[in-house]
Amino acid sequence: MAKQADDVEAIITDVFRVSGIKLTADDPIIAVLLVQEARLKALFEEQRIGIQQGLAEYAAEMDDALKETVAAAKELKTYREQILADLLAKSDGQLQDAEGRIYAAMQPKIAAQNKALADEIAAKMNRSWLVAALISLGVFFALLKFI
């Protein structure tokens, strides 16, 4: 009852503030205004509940969409990893093929360099033997001369 009395006083104050008309608590319009206020409160409560339900449904839909997005992202990650593994495998294969081709291309050059080096060493050794033989011959003649 105290709540209704407070509501009546609030209505009287609001009517006077807005229109300048002074109402009393026993004025018949107060009952109409109280009923109207109760109906408005009920409508606002109904609207609030409807909005909450709508937001809950929207949140559920968003949650489903987010779950689908996360699942798609996981699939893309798996797909990406598979692609990277395939690329790495192909890259390794190409690298091995390239190594074989490079070795095959370089082998004649390496063989030619090794042959040139061996020929150069052989030539130096032949010259060394020749010089050693000449020196030995010179020493031999020098010893013969002294004997």
Protein backbone atom coordinates (compact mmCIF):
# COMPACT_ATOMS: atom_id res chain seq x y z
CA MET A 1 0.00 0.00 0.00
CA ALA A 2 2.90 2.32 0.74
CA LYS A 3 4.17 1.63 -2.76
CA GLN A 4 0.83 2.67 -4.25
CA ALA A 5 0.81 5.83 -2.12
CA ASP A 6 4.30 6.64 -3.38
CA ASP A 7 3.13 6.02 -6.95
CA VAL A 8 0.12 8.34 -6.42
CA GLU A 9 2.37 11.08 -5.06
CA ALA A 10 4.75 10.63 -7.99
CA ILE A 11 1.86 10.91 -10.47
CA ILE A 12 0.50 14.04 -8.76
CA THR A 13 3.96 15.61 -8.83
CA ASP A 14 4.57 14.69 -12.49
CA VAL A 15 1.15 16.03 -13.61
CA PHE A 16 1.73 19.30 -11.79
CA ARG A 17 5.28 19.64 -13.14
CA VAL A 18 4.21 18.99 -16.74
CA SER A 19 0.81 20.72 -16.86
CA GLY A 20 0.60 22.95 -13.82
CA ILE A 21 -2.65 21.22 -12.75
CA LYS A 22 -2.86 20.23 -9.09
CA LEU A 23 -4.44 16.79 -8.58
CA THR A 24 -5.47 15.19 -5.30
CA ALA A 25 -5.14 11.58 -4.22
CA ASP A 26 -8.92 11.03 -4.46
CA ASP A 27 -9.17 12.42 -8.00
CA PRO A 28 -10.68 9.73 -10.36
CA ILE A 29 -8.02 10.36 -13.02
CA ILE A 30 -5.40 9.03 -10.59
CA ALA A 31 -6.87 5.52 -10.92
CA VAL A 32 -6.70 5.75 -14.71
CA LEU A 33 -3.11 6.96 -14.54
CA LEU A 34 -2.18 4.16 -12.11
CA VAL A 35 -3.68 1.53 -14.43
CA GLN A 36 -1.91 3.10 -17.39
CA GLU A 37 1.40 3.11 -15.51
CA ALA A 38 0.95 -0.54 -14.49
CA ARG A 39 0.22 -1.51 -18.10
CA LEU A 40 3.25 0.43 -19.33
CA LYS A 41 5.44 -1.30 -16.75
CA ALA A 42 4.07 -4.68 -17.86
CA LEU A 43 4.69 -3.81 -21.52
CA PHE A 44 8.21 -2.64 -20.77
CA GLU A 45 8.89 -5.83 -18.81
CA GLU A 46 7.53 -7.91 -21.69
CA GLN A 47 9.67 -5.96 -24.13
CA ARG A 48 12.74 -6.40 -21.90
CA ILE A 49 12.17 -10.16 -21.77
CA GLY A 50 11.72 -10.26 -25.55
CA ILE A 51 14.94 -8.33 -26.07
CA GLN A 52 16.80 -10.64 -23.69
CA GLN A 53 15.50 -13.69 -25.52
CA GLY A 54 16.45 -12.15 -28.85
CA LEU A 55 19.93 -11.38 -27.58
CA ALA A 56 20.27 -14.91 -26.21
CA GLU A 57 19.25 -16.36 -29.60
CA TYR A 58 21.64 -14.00 -31.36
CA ALA A 59 24.44 -15.02 -28.99
CA ALA A 60 23.68 -18.70 -29.66
CA GLU A 61 23.78 -18.09 -33.42
CA MET A 62 27.04 -16.18 -33.07
CA ASP A 63 28.44 -19.00 -30.94
CA ASP A 64 27.54 -21.52 -33.63
CA ALA A 65 29.07 -19.31 -36.31
CA LEU A 66 32.22 -18.88 -34.24
CA LYS A 67 32.47 -22.63 -33.73
CA GLU A 68 32.17 -23.13 -37.49
CA THR A 69 34.82 -20.47 -38.07
CA VAL A 70 37.19 -22.10 -35.59
CA ALA A 71 36.62 -25.49 -37.23
CA ALA A 72 37.32 -23.99 -40.66
CA ALA A 73 40.47 -22.33 -39.33
CA LYS A 74 41.66 -25.67 -37.95
CA GLU A 75 41.01 -27.31 -41.31
CA LEU A 76 42.93 -24.55 -43.06
CA LYS A 77 45.82 -24.98 -40.63
CA THR A 78 45.90 -28.71 -41.33
CA TYR A 79 45.69 -28.05 -45.06
CA ARG A 80 48.48 -25.48 -44.78
CA GLU A 81 50.68 -27.95 -42.92
CA GLN A 82 50.03 -30.58 -45.59
CA ILE A 83 50.93 -28.12 -48.34
CA LEU A 84 54.12 -27.14 -46.53
CA ALA A 85 55.06 -30.80 -46.06
CA ASP A 86 54.43 -31.48 -49.76
CA LEU A 87 56.46 -28.44 -50.78
CA LEU A 88 59.29 -29.48 -48.49
CA ALA A 89 59.29 -33.01 -49.90
CA LYS A 90 59.30 -31.70 -53.48
CA SER A 91 62.03 -29.23 -52.59
CA ASP A 92 64.16 -32.03 -51.13
CA GLY A 93 63.64 -34.09 -54.28
CA GLN A 94 64.56 -31.17 -56.50
CA LEU A 95 67.61 -30.47 -54.35
CA GLN A 96 68.80 -34.05 -54.71
CA ASP A 97 68.22 -33.92 -58.46
CA ALA A 98 70.10 -30.64 -58.65
CA GLU A 99 72.98 -32.05 -56.63
CA GLY A 100 73.25 -34.95 -59.07
CA ARG A 101 73.19 -32.64 -62.07
CA ILE A 102 75.73 -30.29 -60.50
CA TYR A 103 78.03 -33.18 -59.66
CA ALA A 104 77.67 -34.55 -63.18
CA ALA A 105 78.41 -31.12 -64.64
CA MET A 106 81.39 -30.53 -62.35
CA GLN A 107 82.91 -34.01 -62.65
CA PRO A 108 84.62 -33.42 -66.03
CA LYS A 109 86.06 -30.12 -64.79
CA ILE A 110 87.32 -31.75 -61.60
CA ALA A 111 88.83 -34.64 -63.59
CA ALA A 112 90.52 -32.18 -65.95
CA GLN A 113 91.92 -30.19 -63.03
CA ASN A 114 93.17 -33.37 -61.34
CA LYS A 115 94.82 -34.52 -64.60
CA ALA A 116 96.42 -31.11 -65.08
CA LEU A 117 97.69 -31.17 -61.50
CA ALA A 118 99.05 -34.71 -61.93
CA ASP A 119 100.73 -33.73 -65.20
CA GLU A 120 102.25 -30.67 -63.56
CA ILE A 121 103.56 -32.73 -60.64
CA ALA A 122 104.94 -35.33 -63.05
CA ALA A 123 106.67 -32.62 -65.09
CA LYS A 124 108.18 -31.12 -61.95
CA MET A 125 109.32 -34.53 -60.80
CA ASN A 126 110.89 -35.23 -64.21
CA ARG A 127 112.72 -31.92 -64.03
CA SER A 128 113.78 -32.68 -60.48
CA TRP A 129 115.17 -36.06 -61.55
CA LEU A 130 116.95 -34.44 -64.43
CA VAL A 131 118.45 -31.78 -62.18
CA ALA A 132 119.36 -34.41 -59.59
CA ALA A 133 120.96 -36.57 -62.28
CA LEU A 134 122.95 -33.61 -63.61
CA ILE A 135 124.09 -32.66 -60.13
CA SER A 136 125.03 -36.26 -59.39
CA LEU A 137 126.92 -36.46 -62.66
CA GLY A 138 128.67 -33.19 -61.87
CA VAL A 139 129.62 -34.43 -58.41
CA PHE A 140 130.79 -37.72 -59.90
CA PHE A 141 133.05 -35.94 -62.40
CA ALA A 142 134.30 -33.63 -59.71
CA LEU A 143 135.20 -36.61 -57.55
CA LEU A 144 136.90 -38.32 -60.47
CA LYS A 145 138.94 -35.26 -61.08
CA PHE A 146 140.18 -35.26 -57.51
CA ILE A 147 140.93 -38.92 -57.39
